[in-house]
Amino acid sequence: MMEKIQAWIEKHLVPVINKITSNFWFGIVADAVLFIVPFSMVSAIPSLWAILRRFVPVLPDISPLSTFSFGLIGLFVVFVIPYNCLQKIEKKDRSMIAGFTGIGAYMMCMNFQTVDGGSLVSMNKFGAGGMFTAMVVGLMVAVIYKLLAKYSFFGEDSVIPDFVKNWFDNIAAILISLTIAYLFTYIAKIDVFAMVQILMKPVTSFAQSAPGVIMIVFLQNVFYFFGVSGWVFTPVTRSITQAAIAENAELVAAGLAPKNIYAYGFSRYHHIGGQGATLPLALFMLRAKSKKFRLLGKATLVPSIFNINEPLQYGAVVGNPFMLIPTVLIAIILPGFSYLWFAMGWGTINYVNFDMNFAPNAVSAFFMSGGDWRNVLLICINFVLAALIWYPFFKAADKAECKKEAEREAAKAAKKAAKAAAKA
C-alpha cells in the first residue's frame, strides 16, 4: 500500500510541484521573499529590546530600527522582483532602473493624500501590510520590462555610449508601468491596495481558519515525507504570515488584541526541532538499539534543538514506511491543538516579529508573544504530544533496522567464512 501511494505521488504530484517551483515567475517571487529575510531578522533586535525596556524603562526606544527594516519590506519586494527578473534574463544594464520603476509605480498606487504642510500615507503600505500589492506591482513591472527587453532604439554598431542607449531604451517600460499605475489610481480612482486585499481575501481567510492551518501543515509535512522540502511553500506561507503579524502588531499598538492566529512564527508551535516536530525523535535515537539510528541521533540532536532537521528527515523519515503515519498525525494534531489553544485564549497570539528561525522553539514562543509563558507551555505540551506520537513508530522502525543490521552482519560473516574455507 505504502509503495503504491509513494509511486502515485512521485508520478502525479511531484512533477507538478517541480514544474511550479521551476517556473520563471515563481522563482522570481521566491527569491524576493528570501532577499527580505535579513531585514526581517534585524527587526527581532528591537523586539527583544522592547521586552527588556519593560524592566528597565530608562532604556531608549529603538523601534525605528524595526520600522525601517521589517517595516519597509513591501518597498524592498517591489524593487527586487523587476530587478531580479532583468538579472535572470541577462539584461543587467536595465535591472537597476527596472527596480526603481517598481518603487515608483508602487508608491503611485499608495495614493498620497495632500494635507497642510505635505502629503500623507499610511506607513503600513510600505511594509508587510502591502506585501501582496508589492508582489502584484513588482510582477507587472517585471513583465513589461521582460517584454521590452529585446527591443532597442539603437543598433549594435551605434556609436552612442552604452549608458546613454540604456537611458532611452528604458523610457518605454518606465512610461508604460507608471501610466498603468496612474490609470488605476488617479483616473479609475481604484485603491490598488484594497483591491489586492479583496482578491486575496479567500486565500488569507482560509489560511486563518483551523482547516486552513491544518491543510497547510499537512501538505508541508507530507510532501517533505516524500522528499519535497517544505521550503517550496515559503513564498506563499511567508507572504500570508508576515502580513498577518504586521496587522497583529498594529492592533496591539492600538491597544487591541491580536487576531490573526496563523501569523509569522505559528510554525514554532508545531515544527519543534524542525518541520515534522522531530526533536523527540532525535532524543529517542540516542537510546536506539540499531547502530544507524543511534549514530544519527548523536549527529542530529544539537542541530534539531536549533530547528535544523534536514539530516534527520532524509536519514530516518523520508520514504520510511514506519514514519508516514506519525508524520500525518503530527501534521493534524499539533497545528490543530495550537490553533485551539489560541482560539480559546489560553495564550497570546504572535504579534512580535522575532525572526530567528534557529532559536529554540520555546525562546521564539516567549518573545513572539511579548513574553507570555503560556506560549512556552504550549511548546512543552506539543513536544510531549509529538513524543507520544513518534515513540511507538520509532520503536517499530528501530526493531526493523536492527533486523536489517543483523542480516547484513550475518551475510558478512557468511561471506568471510566462505572465503576462509576457500583458502583452506
Protein backbone atom coordinates (compact mmCIF):
# COMPACT_ATOMS: atom_id res chain seq x y z
CA MET A 1 0.00 0.00 0.00
CA MET A 2 2.78 2.36 1.00
CA GLU A 3 4.65 1.72 -2.23
CA LYS A 4 1.52 2.43 -4.29
CA ILE A 5 0.93 5.75 -2.51
CA GLN A 6 4.55 6.76 -2.96
CA ALA A 7 4.50 5.76 -6.63
CA TRP A 8 1.32 7.79 -7.22
CA ILE A 9 2.74 10.88 -5.52
CA GLU A 10 6.03 10.60 -7.38
CA LYS A 11 4.22 10.15 -10.70
CA HIS A 12 1.45 12.74 -10.36
CA LEU A 13 2.17 15.28 -7.60
CA VAL A 14 5.96 15.66 -7.53
CA PRO A 15 6.18 16.60 -11.25
CA VAL A 16 3.50 19.27 -10.70
CA ILE A 17 5.36 20.71 -7.71
CA ASN A 18 8.65 20.62 -9.59
CA LYS A 19 7.03 22.36 -12.56
CA ILE A 20 5.64 25.10 -10.33
CA THR A 21 8.89 25.68 -8.44
CA SER A 22 10.93 25.74 -11.64
CA ASN A 23 8.58 28.30 -13.21
CA PHE A 24 10.38 31.56 -14.02
CA TRP A 25 7.90 33.83 -12.24
CA PHE A 26 7.55 31.60 -9.18
CA GLY A 27 11.33 31.68 -8.84
CA ILE A 28 11.36 35.47 -9.08
CA VAL A 29 8.82 35.80 -6.24
CA ALA A 30 10.54 33.11 -4.16
CA ASP A 31 13.86 34.92 -4.47
CA ALA A 32 12.24 38.20 -3.44
CA VAL A 33 10.86 36.59 -0.27
CA LEU A 34 14.30 35.20 0.60
CA PHE A 35 16.03 38.53 -0.10
CA ILE A 36 13.99 40.28 2.60
CA VAL A 37 14.77 37.73 5.33
CA PRO A 38 17.79 39.67 6.70
CA PHE A 39 15.64 42.77 7.19
CA SER A 40 13.05 40.70 8.98
CA MET A 41 15.75 39.22 11.21
CA VAL A 42 17.10 42.69 12.08
CA SER A 43 13.66 43.63 13.37
CA ALA A 44 13.99 40.90 16.01
CA ILE A 45 16.54 43.06 17.87
CA PRO A 46 14.11 45.89 18.71
CA SER A 47 11.59 43.23 19.69
CA LEU A 48 13.98 41.82 22.28
CA TRP A 49 14.91 45.32 23.37
CA ALA A 50 11.25 46.23 23.89
CA ILE A 51 10.83 43.37 26.34
CA LEU A 52 13.96 44.47 28.20
CA ARG A 53 12.55 48.04 28.40
CA ARG A 54 9.63 46.71 30.42
CA PHE A 55 12.05 46.05 33.25
CA VAL A 56 14.39 48.99 32.54
CA PRO A 57 12.14 51.82 31.29
CA VAL A 58 15.02 54.31 31.05
CA LEU A 59 16.46 52.47 28.05
CA PRO A 60 15.97 54.31 24.73
CA ASP A 61 13.28 53.28 22.24
CA ILE A 62 14.94 51.66 19.23
CA SER A 63 11.70 50.67 17.47
CA PRO A 64 12.65 52.79 14.40
CA LEU A 65 15.18 50.03 13.60
CA SER A 66 12.19 47.76 13.03
CA THR A 67 10.11 50.44 11.29
CA PHE A 68 12.82 50.99 8.70
CA SER A 69 13.76 47.32 8.19
CA PHE A 70 10.78 44.96 8.51
CA GLY A 71 8.52 48.00 8.13
CA LEU A 72 9.77 48.60 4.58
CA ILE A 73 9.77 45.08 3.16
CA GLY A 74 6.94 45.89 0.74
CA LEU A 75 9.16 48.56 -0.77
CA PHE A 76 12.09 46.14 -0.94
CA VAL A 77 9.99 43.41 -2.60
CA VAL A 78 8.66 45.70 -5.32
CA PHE A 79 12.25 46.67 -6.16
CA VAL A 80 13.70 43.16 -6.07
CA ILE A 81 11.12 41.45 -8.32
CA PRO A 82 11.73 43.51 -11.51
CA TYR A 83 15.43 43.88 -10.68
CA ASN A 84 15.90 40.12 -10.32
CA CYS A 85 13.80 39.45 -13.43
CA LEU A 86 16.14 41.53 -15.60
CA GLN A 87 19.19 39.98 -13.94
CA LYS A 88 17.95 36.48 -14.80
CA ILE A 89 17.35 37.29 -18.47
CA GLU A 90 20.84 38.76 -18.74
CA LYS A 91 19.68 42.37 -19.08
CA LYS A 92 21.72 43.63 -16.16
CA ASP A 93 22.11 47.09 -17.67
CA ARG A 94 18.35 47.63 -17.28
CA SER A 95 17.82 45.79 -13.98
CA MET A 96 18.53 48.69 -11.62
CA ILE A 97 16.19 51.07 -13.45
CA ALA A 98 13.54 48.31 -13.54
CA GLY A 99 13.76 48.12 -9.75
CA PHE A 100 13.43 51.89 -9.41
CA THR A 101 10.42 51.79 -11.73
CA GLY A 102 8.83 49.21 -9.45
CA ILE A 103 9.24 51.58 -6.50
CA GLY A 104 7.77 54.47 -8.47
CA ALA A 105 4.71 52.54 -9.62
CA TYR A 106 4.20 51.09 -6.13
CA MET A 107 4.30 54.49 -4.44
CA MET A 108 1.96 55.95 -7.05
CA CYS A 109 -0.57 53.25 -6.13
CA MET A 110 -0.38 54.40 -2.50
CA ASN A 111 -2.47 57.45 -3.47
CA PHE A 112 -0.85 60.01 -1.17
CA GLN A 113 -3.34 62.45 0.34
CA THR A 114 -2.49 66.14 0.29
CA VAL A 115 -2.65 67.75 3.73
CA ASP A 116 -1.47 71.02 5.21
CA GLY A 117 2.29 71.01 5.05
CA GLY A 118 2.76 67.97 2.81
CA SER A 119 1.38 64.56 1.83
CA LEU A 120 0.04 61.74 3.98
CA VAL A 121 0.08 57.95 3.55
CA SER A 122 -0.10 55.01 5.94
CA MET A 123 3.33 53.64 6.81
CA ASN A 124 1.77 50.17 6.79
CA LYS A 125 1.67 50.29 2.98
CA PHE A 126 5.46 50.27 2.87
CA GLY A 127 5.78 47.14 4.98
CA ALA A 128 4.28 43.68 5.31
CA GLY A 129 0.77 45.11 5.08
CA GLY A 130 1.45 45.99 1.45
CA MET A 131 3.44 42.89 0.59
CA PHE A 132 0.82 41.29 -1.69
CA THR A 133 0.37 44.59 -3.53
CA ALA A 134 4.14 44.89 -3.83
CA MET A 135 4.26 41.45 -5.46
CA VAL A 136 1.47 42.34 -7.90
CA VAL A 137 3.02 45.68 -8.89
CA GLY A 138 6.52 44.21 -8.99
CA LEU A 139 5.38 41.40 -11.30
CA MET A 140 3.55 43.87 -13.55
CA VAL A 141 6.69 45.99 -13.95
CA ALA A 142 8.83 42.88 -14.43
CA VAL A 143 6.55 41.56 -17.20
CA ILE A 144 6.65 44.92 -19.02
CA TYR A 145 10.45 45.12 -18.82
CA LYS A 146 10.83 41.49 -19.89
CA LEU A 147 8.61 42.04 -22.95
CA LEU A 148 10.51 45.18 -23.97
CA ALA A 149 13.98 43.88 -23.09
CA LYS A 150 14.64 42.61 -26.61
CA TYR A 151 13.94 45.98 -28.20
CA SER A 152 16.34 48.90 -28.56
CA PHE A 153 16.21 52.27 -30.25
CA PHE A 154 19.79 51.77 -31.41
CA GLY A 155 21.69 49.23 -33.44
CA GLU A 156 24.60 47.23 -32.06
CA ASP A 157 27.03 49.26 -34.16
CA SER A 158 25.76 52.58 -32.78
CA VAL A 159 28.49 54.96 -31.63
CA ILE A 160 26.31 56.30 -28.81
CA PRO A 161 27.70 55.32 -25.38
CA ASP A 162 26.00 52.30 -23.78
CA PHE A 163 24.80 54.21 -20.72
CA VAL A 164 23.06 56.75 -22.95
CA LYS A 165 21.42 53.98 -25.02
CA ASN A 166 20.28 52.41 -21.74
CA TRP A 167 18.56 55.65 -20.71
CA PHE A 168 16.47 55.78 -23.87
CA ASP A 169 15.76 52.04 -24.01
CA ASN A 170 14.19 52.17 -20.54
CA ILE A 171 11.87 55.10 -21.29
CA ALA A 172 9.08 52.98 -22.82
CA ALA A 173 8.99 50.49 -19.93
CA ILE A 174 9.01 53.30 -17.36
CA LEU A 175 6.20 55.18 -19.12
CA ILE A 176 4.00 52.09 -19.52
CA SER A 177 4.50 50.97 -15.89
CA LEU A 178 3.80 54.39 -14.40
CA THR A 179 0.88 55.01 -16.76
CA ILE A 180 -0.85 51.80 -15.66
CA ALA A 181 -0.43 52.80 -12.01
CA TYR A 182 -1.70 56.30 -12.88
CA LEU A 183 -4.79 54.99 -14.68
CA PHE A 184 -5.77 52.76 -11.76
CA THR A 185 -5.09 55.30 -9.00
CA TYR A 186 -5.89 58.71 -10.48
CA ILE A 187 -8.28 58.06 -13.39
CA ALA A 188 -10.27 54.99 -12.27
CA LYS A 189 -9.93 56.04 -8.60
CA ILE A 190 -9.21 52.43 -7.59
CA ASP A 191 -7.44 51.75 -4.29
CA VAL A 192 -4.98 49.14 -5.58
CA PHE A 193 -4.06 48.05 -2.06
CA ALA A 194 -7.70 47.47 -1.13
CA MET A 195 -8.34 45.71 -4.46
CA VAL A 196 -5.47 43.27 -3.94
CA GLN A 197 -6.64 42.59 -0.38
CA ILE A 198 -10.13 41.79 -1.65
CA LEU A 199 -8.74 39.45 -4.31
CA MET A 200 -6.55 37.70 -1.72
CA LYS A 201 -9.28 37.56 0.94
CA PRO A 202 -10.43 33.99 0.14
CA VAL A 203 -6.86 32.73 0.48
CA THR A 204 -5.94 34.69 3.61
CA SER A 205 -9.28 33.97 5.30
CA PHE A 206 -8.92 30.23 4.69
CA ALA A 207 -5.34 30.35 6.00
CA GLN A 208 -6.64 31.92 9.23
CA SER A 209 -9.13 29.10 9.82
CA ALA A 210 -8.44 25.83 11.64
CA PRO A 211 -8.96 23.71 8.48
CA GLY A 212 -6.71 26.08 6.54
CA VAL A 213 -3.90 25.88 9.09
CA ILE A 214 -4.12 22.09 9.26
CA MET A 215 -4.18 21.75 5.48
CA ILE A 216 -1.10 23.95 5.06
CA VAL A 217 0.91 21.99 7.63
CA PHE A 218 -0.40 18.68 6.29
CA LEU A 219 0.80 19.50 2.77
CA GLN A 220 4.18 20.69 4.06
CA ASN A 221 4.80 17.58 6.17
CA VAL A 222 3.50 15.02 3.69
CA PHE A 223 5.45 16.47 0.78
CA TYR A 224 8.54 16.52 2.99
CA PHE A 225 7.99 12.84 3.74
CA PHE A 226 8.21 12.16 0.01
CA GLY A 227 11.38 14.22 -0.31
CA VAL A 228 9.99 17.61 -1.35
CA SER A 229 11.14 20.16 1.21
CA GLY A 230 8.52 22.40 2.80
CA TRP A 231 10.59 25.38 1.67
CA VAL A 232 8.72 25.25 -1.67
CA PHE A 233 5.67 26.64 0.16
CA THR A 234 7.61 29.58 1.63
CA PRO A 235 6.68 32.26 -0.96
CA VAL A 236 3.00 31.66 -0.18
CA THR A 237 3.10 30.99 3.56
CA ARG A 238 5.57 33.74 4.44
CA SER A 239 3.60 36.33 2.47
CA ILE A 240 0.46 35.42 4.42
CA THR A 241 2.07 35.14 7.85
CA GLN A 242 4.17 38.29 7.65
CA ALA A 243 1.18 40.38 6.61
CA ALA A 244 -0.75 38.77 9.46
CA ILE A 245 1.84 39.51 12.14
CA ALA A 246 2.20 43.08 10.88
CA GLU A 247 -1.54 43.53 11.35
CA ASN A 248 -1.32 41.92 14.80
CA ALA A 249 1.43 44.35 15.79
CA GLU A 250 -0.70 47.30 14.67
CA LEU A 251 -3.66 46.01 16.71
CA VAL A 252 -1.52 45.67 19.83
CA ALA A 253 -0.03 49.13 19.31
CA ALA A 254 -3.60 50.48 19.17
CA GLY A 255 -4.42 48.77 22.48
CA LEU A 256 -6.36 45.89 20.89
CA ALA A 257 -5.77 42.14 20.97
CA PRO A 258 -4.02 40.41 18.05
CA LYS A 259 -6.46 38.39 15.95
CA ASN A 260 -4.53 36.51 13.22
CA ILE A 261 -3.64 33.10 14.67
CA TYR A 262 -1.76 31.99 11.58
CA ALA A 263 0.80 34.77 11.88
CA TYR A 264 4.54 34.59 11.37
CA GLY A 265 6.05 32.21 13.90
CA PHE A 266 3.00 29.96 14.27
CA SER A 267 5.17 27.16 12.91
CA ARG A 268 7.25 27.33 16.10
CA TYR A 269 4.41 25.57 17.90
CA HIS A 270 4.27 22.54 15.61
CA HIS A 271 7.72 22.39 13.96
CA ILE A 272 9.52 21.57 17.20
CA GLY A 273 13.06 20.72 16.21
CA GLY A 274 12.23 21.43 12.59
CA GLN A 275 9.42 20.56 10.22
CA GLY A 276 7.56 17.50 11.45
CA ALA A 277 8.38 18.09 15.15
CA THR A 278 11.32 15.68 15.04
CA LEU A 279 13.16 16.82 18.19
CA PRO A 280 11.65 13.94 20.25
CA LEU A 281 12.70 11.56 17.50
CA ALA A 282 16.31 12.76 17.76
CA LEU A 283 16.21 12.14 21.51
CA PHE A 284 14.77 8.64 21.09
CA MET A 285 17.54 7.80 18.65
CA LEU A 286 20.18 8.35 21.31
CA ARG A 287 18.89 5.17 23.00
CA ALA A 288 18.21 3.27 19.80
CA LYS A 289 19.23 -0.37 19.55
CA SER A 290 20.18 -0.07 15.89
CA LYS A 291 23.56 1.39 15.08
CA LYS A 292 22.19 3.57 12.27
CA PHE A 293 19.63 5.37 14.42
CA ARG A 294 21.97 5.69 17.37
CA LEU A 295 24.63 7.41 15.28
CA LEU A 296 22.00 9.54 13.55
CA GLY A 297 20.66 10.67 16.92
CA LYS A 298 24.10 11.76 18.10
CA ALA A 299 24.71 13.65 14.86
CA THR A 300 21.34 15.42 14.67
CA LEU A 301 20.35 16.21 18.27
CA VAL A 302 22.15 19.55 18.57
CA PRO A 303 21.07 20.80 15.11
CA SER A 304 17.50 19.73 15.94
CA ILE A 305 17.48 21.94 19.04
CA PHE A 306 18.05 24.84 16.64
CA ASN A 307 15.41 23.62 14.16
CA ILE A 308 17.83 22.16 11.62
CA ASN A 309 16.49 18.70 10.88
CA GLU A 310 17.20 18.03 7.21
CA PRO A 311 19.83 15.35 8.04
CA LEU A 312 17.37 13.62 10.37
CA GLN A 313 14.45 13.87 7.95
CA TYR A 314 16.37 12.50 4.99
CA GLY A 315 18.21 9.97 7.12
CA ALA A 316 15.30 8.48 9.01
CA VAL A 317 11.90 9.81 7.96
CA VAL A 318 11.74 10.47 4.21
CA GLY A 319 10.40 7.40 2.43
CA ASN A 320 10.42 5.27 5.60
CA PRO A 321 7.05 3.42 5.73
CA PHE A 322 7.16 3.33 9.54
CA MET A 323 7.22 7.15 9.64
CA LEU A 324 4.29 8.05 7.37
CA ILE A 325 1.52 7.67 9.97
CA PRO A 326 3.27 9.76 12.68
CA THR A 327 4.10 12.40 10.05
CA VAL A 328 0.39 12.67 9.16
CA LEU A 329 -0.78 12.58 12.80
CA ILE A 330 1.65 15.34 13.82
CA ALA A 331 0.58 17.44 10.82
CA ILE A 332 -3.02 17.28 12.06
CA ILE A 333 -2.83 17.16 15.85
CA LEU A 334 -0.13 19.73 16.66
CA PRO A 335 -1.33 22.65 14.48
CA GLY A 336 -4.95 21.80 15.31
CA PHE A 337 -4.29 21.84 19.04
CA SER A 338 -2.19 25.02 18.73
CA TYR A 339 -5.00 26.76 16.84
CA LEU A 340 -7.47 25.71 19.54
CA TRP A 341 -5.09 26.95 22.24
CA PHE A 342 -5.09 30.48 20.82
CA ALA A 343 -8.74 30.45 19.79
CA MET A 344 -9.67 29.66 23.40
CA GLY A 345 -7.49 32.49 24.67
CA TRP A 346 -5.08 30.22 26.55
CA GLY A 347 -2.08 32.04 25.10
CA THR A 348 -1.13 35.25 23.29
CA ILE A 349 -1.27 35.22 19.51
CA ASN A 350 2.09 36.15 17.97
CA TYR A 351 2.49 39.86 17.33
CA VAL A 352 6.25 40.42 17.71
CA ASN A 353 8.32 39.74 14.60
CA PHE A 354 11.07 37.72 16.26
CA ASP A 355 12.57 36.34 13.05
CA MET A 356 15.15 33.94 14.48
CA ASN A 357 14.28 30.60 12.92
CA PHE A 358 17.19 28.85 14.57
CA ALA A 359 16.34 29.89 18.11
CA PRO A 360 14.90 27.05 20.23
CA ASN A 361 11.12 27.00 19.88
CA ALA A 362 10.40 27.93 23.49
CA VAL A 363 12.57 31.04 23.15
CA SER A 364 10.74 32.12 19.98
CA ALA A 365 7.35 31.44 21.54
CA PHE A 366 8.21 33.63 24.52
CA PHE A 367 9.41 36.62 22.53
CA MET A 368 6.87 36.46 19.70
CA SER A 369 4.05 36.58 22.24
CA GLY A 370 5.55 39.58 24.00
CA GLY A 371 6.70 37.45 26.93
CA ASP A 372 3.75 35.13 27.60
CA TRP A 373 4.85 31.98 29.44
CA ARG A 374 1.64 30.23 28.40
CA ASN A 375 3.02 30.06 24.87
CA VAL A 376 6.10 28.32 26.23
CA LEU A 377 3.77 25.87 27.98
CA LEU A 378 2.13 25.15 24.61
CA ILE A 379 5.55 24.26 23.20
CA CYS A 380 6.10 21.84 26.08
CA ILE A 381 2.70 20.20 25.62
CA ASN A 382 3.20 19.84 21.87
CA PHE A 383 6.64 18.37 22.49
CA VAL A 384 5.06 15.69 24.70
CA LEU A 385 2.32 15.06 22.11
CA ALA A 386 4.93 14.68 19.38
CA ALA A 387 6.96 12.32 21.57
CA LEU A 388 3.91 10.14 22.24
CA ILE A 389 3.13 10.01 18.53
CA TRP A 390 6.67 9.27 17.39
CA TYR A 391 7.59 6.70 20.07
CA PRO A 392 5.72 3.52 19.01
CA PHE A 393 6.53 4.02 15.34
CA PHE A 394 10.16 4.75 16.11
CA LYS A 395 10.40 1.55 18.19
CA ALA A 396 8.98 -0.43 15.28
CA ALA A 397 11.38 1.23 12.83
CA ASP A 398 14.32 0.65 15.19
CA LYS A 399 13.41 -3.03 15.55
CA ALA A 400 13.21 -3.42 11.78
CA GLU A 401 16.56 -1.65 11.37
CA CYS A 402 18.15 -3.94 13.97
CA LYS A 403 16.91 -6.91 11.99
CA LYS A 404 18.42 -5.49 8.79
CA GLU A 405 21.74 -4.84 10.52
CA ALA A 406 21.76 -8.37 11.94
CA GLU A 407 21.07 -9.79 8.49
CA ARG A 408 23.86 -7.71 6.99
CA GLU A 409 26.27 -8.83 9.71
CA ALA A 410 25.25 -12.46 9.17
CA ALA A 411 25.77 -12.07 5.43
CA LYS A 412 29.21 -10.53 6.01
CA ALA A 413 30.15 -13.30 8.42
CA ALA A 414 28.98 -15.98 5.97
CA LYS A 415 30.94 -14.35 3.17
CA LYS A 416 34.06 -14.16 5.33
CA ALA A 417 33.68 -17.78 6.38
CA ALA A 418 33.27 -18.85 2.76
CA LYS A 419 36.46 -17.01 1.80
CA ALA A 420 38.34 -18.61 4.70
CA ALA A 421 37.06 -22.07 3.70
CA ALA A 422 38.10 -21.48 0.10
CA LYS A 423 41.62 -20.56 1.15
CA ALA A 424 41.84 -23.63 3.36
